[in-house]
């Protein structure tokens, strides 16, 4: 059985980002408990707009990606761990 390396890379980046968010935002949840498709805001992890700014800085420092404040795609980018992972994978410089 052949493994899809893209899905392995996506899962790996999702785990990395989850750990980065837990540590960087001082979340009281284990990184392994964050499901890739759960929302990050509201009913999901309960993050807020300040957390979004902090996440953007964490991702910029770790992966060299730039997330601009007010960008119309930010709602989609920050929707879930999976969408963050896809954005980072497509735009990373580091």
Protein backbone atom coordinates (compact mmCIF):
# COMPACT_ATOMS: atom_id res chain seq x y z
CA UNK A 1 0.00 0.00 0.00
CA UNK A 2 1.43 3.37 -1.05
CA UNK A 3 1.23 6.24 1.39
CA UNK A 4 0.34 9.67 0.08
CA UNK A 5 3.32 11.82 1.06
CA UNK A 6 1.24 15.01 0.74
CA UNK A 7 -1.18 13.79 3.41
CA UNK A 8 1.75 12.80 5.64
CA UNK A 9 3.27 16.27 5.20
CA UNK A 10 -0.10 17.90 5.96
CA UNK A 11 -0.58 15.82 9.10
CA UNK A 12 2.95 16.63 10.23
CA UNK A 13 2.55 20.38 9.71
CA UNK A 14 -0.82 20.27 11.50
CA UNK A 15 0.84 18.61 14.51
CA UNK A 16 3.66 21.18 14.45
CA UNK A 17 1.22 24.09 14.28
CA UNK A 18 -0.95 22.64 17.05
CA UNK A 19 2.09 22.37 19.32
CA UNK A 20 3.19 25.89 18.36
CA UNK A 21 -0.25 27.31 19.18
CA UNK A 22 -0.55 25.49 22.50
CA UNK A 23 2.87 26.71 23.60
CA UNK A 24 2.74 30.18 22.05
CA UNK A 25 -0.81 31.01 23.20
CA UNK A 26 -0.49 29.21 26.55
CA UNK A 27 -3.54 27.07 25.82
CA UNK A 28 -4.71 24.62 28.46
CA UNK A 29 -5.40 21.86 25.94
CA UNK A 30 -3.02 19.16 24.76
CA UNK A 31 -1.88 19.72 21.17
CA UNK A 32 -2.90 16.15 20.29
CA UNK A 33 -6.49 16.91 21.33
CA UNK A 34 -6.91 19.61 18.65
CA UNK A 35 -8.68 17.96 15.75
CA UNK A 36 -7.61 19.31 12.35
CA UNK A 37 -11.11 20.30 11.22
CA UNK A 38 -12.40 21.78 14.49
CA UNK A 39 -12.90 25.56 14.43
CA UNK A 40 -10.22 27.58 16.17
CA UNK A 41 -12.58 30.40 17.17
CA UNK A 42 -15.93 30.43 18.94
CA UNK A 43 -17.18 26.94 19.77
CA UNK A 44 -13.85 25.31 18.86
CA UNK A 45 -10.80 26.36 20.86
CA UNK A 46 -12.50 29.60 21.81
CA UNK A 47 -9.76 31.84 20.46
CA UNK A 48 -10.32 35.55 19.83
CA UNK A 49 -8.95 38.32 17.59
CA UNK A 50 -5.96 38.93 19.87
CA UNK A 51 -5.10 35.24 19.57
CA UNK A 52 -5.30 35.59 15.76
CA UNK A 53 -2.70 38.37 15.85
CA UNK A 54 -0.45 36.28 18.08
CA UNK A 55 -0.91 33.24 15.82
CA UNK A 56 0.07 35.30 12.78
CA UNK A 57 3.29 36.34 14.54
CA UNK A 58 4.04 32.78 15.66
CA UNK A 59 3.54 31.46 12.13
CA UNK A 60 5.63 34.25 10.64
CA UNK A 61 8.50 33.57 13.03
CA UNK A 62 8.34 29.78 12.64
CA UNK A 63 7.60 29.42 8.92
CA UNK A 64 8.21 32.82 7.32
CA UNK A 65 4.59 33.19 6.20
CA UNK A 66 2.89 36.57 6.17
CA UNK A 67 -0.74 36.93 7.15
CA UNK A 68 -1.90 40.48 6.62
CA UNK A 69 -4.38 42.09 8.98
CA UNK A 70 -7.68 42.74 7.23
CA UNK A 71 -7.04 40.28 4.38
CA UNK A 72 -10.35 38.86 3.12
CA UNK A 73 -8.87 35.34 3.22
CA UNK A 74 -8.08 35.47 6.95
CA UNK A 75 -11.42 33.96 7.96
CA UNK A 76 -10.66 30.98 5.71
CA UNK A 77 -6.99 30.76 6.77
CA UNK A 78 -7.83 30.78 10.49
CA UNK A 79 -10.91 28.54 10.21
CA UNK A 80 -9.19 25.39 11.49
CA UNK A 81 -5.86 23.73 12.09
CA UNK A 82 -6.19 22.12 8.67
CA UNK A 83 -6.69 25.44 6.88
CA UNK A 84 -3.72 26.94 8.74
CA UNK A 85 -1.63 23.94 7.74
CA UNK A 86 -2.64 24.28 4.10
CA UNK A 87 -1.79 27.98 4.13
CA UNK A 88 1.60 27.39 5.75
CA UNK A 89 2.42 24.54 3.37
CA UNK A 90 1.59 26.69 0.34
CA UNK A 91 3.37 29.83 1.56
CA UNK A 92 6.21 28.85 3.85
CA UNK A 93 9.68 30.31 3.37
CA UNK A 94 11.45 28.38 6.16
